[in-house]
Amino acid sequence: MPNDQPFVDAYLPALLAQASQLISNEFHAIVQANGLSVLEWRVLATLADSGPITIGQLAQQSVSKQPTVTRLLDRMEQQGYVKRLSAANDRRLTLVRMTRAGEKMIANLIEEANAHEASVLEPIGAKRSKELKKVLRELIAQHRPALTAPPVLTSPTA
C-alpha cells in the first residue's frame, strides 16, 4: 500500500519514540527540579504500587540496562529509597522493593506525573486515551521477553 507520508511519519517505532521523547522530556524537567535523575525517577516510579520485582524486570520496565540499574540501586539503597531481598525459590535472584522513604520521596512526583499525563491526553479525550493505553499495553505484552514465574520472598516486604 503506497504511503503519501515520509517513512518516519508512518513508521510505528519512530512515532512511538518521538511521542515518548517529547512527552517524557516535558516531565523530566520536573523530575530533575525535584533532585532526581531521570533513571532514579523511572526506577522509583516502576516500584511504586508494585511488589518486589527482579532487577531484570526493573531494568526492562525502567527502559535501562541491567548493569546501570544495579549500580543505581547501590546508591538508592544507601539513600534508603529501595531495599534488596533474596527470592526464596531461587537464591540467585535479587528482588527490589521501594521503602517508605522512597514512597515519600516520589509521592508528590506521582501526583505531578498524573497531572502531566492528564494535560497530555486531555485533547484526545477519555475514550481515545483509554484505547491508546490498551493498545500500547497489548503491543508491550506481545513484544516483551517472556518472564519466569514470580519469585517468592524470603523476608517480609514491610
Protein backbone atom coordinates (compact mmCIF):
# COMPACT_ATOMS: atom_id res chain seq x y z
CA MET A 1 0.00 0.00 0.00
CA PRO A 2 1.65 3.26 -1.09
CA ASN A 3 2.01 5.91 1.57
CA ASP A 4 1.91 9.64 0.92
CA GLN A 5 3.89 10.40 4.11
CA PRO A 6 7.63 10.25 4.67
CA PHE A 7 8.71 6.90 6.09
CA VAL A 8 9.32 8.08 9.69
CA ASP A 9 5.93 9.82 9.77
CA ALA A 10 4.23 6.47 9.12
CA TYR A 11 6.61 4.02 10.86
CA LEU A 12 5.24 2.92 14.24
CA PRO A 13 8.58 2.61 16.13
CA ALA A 14 9.59 6.11 15.00
CA LEU A 15 6.23 7.55 16.02
CA LEU A 16 6.34 5.85 19.43
CA ALA A 17 9.91 7.01 20.05
CA GLN A 18 9.14 10.60 19.09
CA ALA A 19 5.98 10.74 21.21
CA SER A 20 7.78 9.19 24.18
CA GLN A 21 10.74 11.55 23.90
CA LEU A 22 8.64 14.71 23.55
CA ILE A 23 6.17 13.90 26.31
CA SER A 24 8.78 12.47 28.69
CA ASN A 25 11.11 15.45 28.30
CA GLU A 26 8.33 17.77 29.47
CA PHE A 27 8.03 15.83 32.71
CA HIS A 28 11.73 15.11 33.13
CA ALA A 29 12.32 18.81 33.75
CA ILE A 30 10.04 18.50 36.80
CA VAL A 31 11.81 15.33 37.95
CA GLN A 32 15.23 16.98 37.77
CA ALA A 33 13.95 20.10 39.53
CA ASN A 34 12.98 17.77 42.39
CA GLY A 35 16.54 16.48 42.70
CA LEU A 36 16.19 13.11 40.97
CA SER A 37 17.80 11.83 37.81
CA VAL A 38 15.51 10.51 35.10
CA LEU A 39 16.62 6.94 35.82
CA GLU A 40 16.05 7.35 39.57
CA TRP A 41 12.53 8.53 38.75
CA ARG A 42 11.94 5.62 36.38
CA VAL A 43 13.13 3.10 38.96
CA LEU A 44 11.03 4.56 41.78
CA ALA A 45 8.01 5.00 39.50
CA THR A 46 8.34 1.37 38.38
CA LEU A 47 8.45 0.19 42.00
CA ALA A 48 5.52 2.39 43.04
CA ASP A 49 2.38 0.37 43.74
CA SER A 50 4.15 -2.90 42.93
CA GLY A 51 5.51 -5.71 44.98
CA PRO A 52 9.17 -6.65 44.87
CA ILE A 53 10.46 -7.35 41.36
CA THR A 54 13.72 -8.69 39.98
CA ILE A 55 16.47 -6.36 38.88
CA GLY A 56 15.99 -7.68 35.34
CA GLN A 57 12.29 -6.78 35.39
CA LEU A 58 13.13 -3.40 36.89
CA ALA A 59 15.67 -2.71 34.15
CA GLN A 60 13.21 -3.77 31.46
CA GLN A 61 10.34 -1.68 32.80
CA SER A 62 12.51 1.37 33.51
CA VAL A 63 13.96 1.14 29.99
CA SER A 64 17.56 0.78 31.06
CA LYS A 65 20.39 -1.74 31.01
CA GLN A 66 20.64 -4.12 33.96
CA PRO A 67 24.23 -3.18 34.96
CA THR A 68 23.26 0.51 35.01
CA VAL A 69 20.24 -0.23 37.21
CA THR A 70 22.35 -2.39 39.53
CA ARG A 71 24.84 0.46 40.06
CA LEU A 72 21.99 2.91 40.64
CA LEU A 73 20.40 0.55 43.16
CA ASP A 74 23.63 0.58 45.17
CA ARG A 75 23.25 4.35 45.65
CA MET A 76 19.50 4.26 46.14
CA GLU A 77 19.79 1.56 48.78
CA GLN A 78 22.38 3.66 50.66
CA GLN A 79 19.95 6.59 50.49
CA GLY A 80 17.24 4.36 51.95
CA TYR A 81 14.87 4.54 48.95
CA VAL A 82 14.98 0.85 47.98
CA LYS A 83 15.73 -2.48 49.60
CA ARG A 84 17.06 -5.65 48.01
CA LEU A 85 15.75 -9.05 49.08
CA SER A 86 16.54 -12.65 48.19
CA ALA A 87 13.95 -14.81 46.45
CA ALA A 88 13.09 -17.94 48.44
CA ASN A 89 12.51 -20.08 45.37
CA ASP A 90 15.76 -19.04 43.62
CA ARG A 91 18.58 -17.60 45.74
CA ARG A 92 20.29 -16.38 42.55
CA LEU A 93 17.54 -13.79 42.08
CA THR A 94 17.63 -10.47 43.83
CA LEU A 95 14.35 -8.64 44.30
CA VAL A 96 13.93 -4.93 44.79
CA ARG A 97 11.18 -3.07 46.58
CA MET A 98 10.68 0.56 47.47
CA THR A 99 10.96 1.62 51.10
CA ARG A 100 8.71 4.08 52.90
CA ALA A 101 11.41 6.73 52.37
CA GLY A 102 11.28 6.05 48.63
CA GLU A 103 7.49 6.26 48.65
CA LYS A 104 7.69 9.57 50.49
CA MET A 105 10.33 10.85 48.04
CA ILE A 106 8.15 10.34 44.97
CA ALA A 107 4.60 10.76 46.29
CA ASN A 108 4.40 14.35 45.06
CA LEU A 109 6.08 13.45 41.76
CA ILE A 110 3.49 10.71 41.14
CA GLU A 111 0.77 13.34 41.57
CA GLU A 112 2.61 15.67 39.19
CA ALA A 113 3.09 12.83 36.70
CA ASN A 114 -0.64 12.11 36.78
CA ALA A 115 -1.41 15.80 36.21
CA HIS A 116 1.09 15.94 33.32
CA GLU A 117 -0.45 12.83 31.76
CA ALA A 118 -3.94 14.34 32.08
CA SER A 119 -2.82 17.50 30.29
CA VAL A 120 -1.20 15.45 27.52
CA LEU A 121 -4.25 13.24 27.00
CA GLU A 122 -6.98 15.85 27.51
CA PRO A 123 -7.00 16.98 23.84
CA ILE A 124 -7.71 13.45 22.58
CA GLY A 125 -10.44 12.69 25.11
CA ALA A 126 -11.01 9.98 27.69
CA LYS A 127 -12.26 7.28 25.30
CA ARG A 128 -9.33 7.59 22.87
CA SER A 129 -6.87 7.86 25.78
CA LYS A 130 -8.16 4.62 27.27
CA GLU A 131 -7.96 2.87 23.89
CA LEU A 132 -4.44 4.21 23.25
CA LYS A 133 -3.22 2.83 26.58
CA LYS A 134 -4.93 -0.50 25.92
CA VAL A 135 -3.26 -0.84 22.51
CA LEU A 136 0.14 0.15 23.91
CA ARG A 137 -0.16 -2.43 26.72
CA GLU A 138 -1.05 -5.07 24.10
CA LEU A 139 1.98 -4.15 21.97
CA ILE A 140 4.26 -4.27 25.01
CA ALA A 141 2.87 -7.67 26.06
CA GLN A 142 3.37 -9.06 22.54
CA HIS A 143 6.99 -7.93 22.31
CA ARG A 144 8.28 -8.18 25.88
CA PRO A 145 10.54 -11.16 26.51
CA ALA A 146 8.86 -13.92 28.50
CA LEU A 147 9.34 -13.63 32.24
CA THR A 148 9.86 -16.56 34.56
CA ALA A 149 7.49 -17.43 37.37
CA PRO A 150 7.34 -14.74 40.06
CA PRO A 151 9.91 -15.31 42.79
CA VAL A 152 8.92 -15.92 46.39
CA LEU A 153 10.36 -13.66 49.09
CA THR A 154 12.49 -14.92 51.93
CA SER A 155 11.77 -11.89 54.11
CA PRO A 156 8.73 -9.67 54.67
CA THR A 157 8.13 -6.72 52.37
CA ALA A 158 7.02 -4.26 55.03
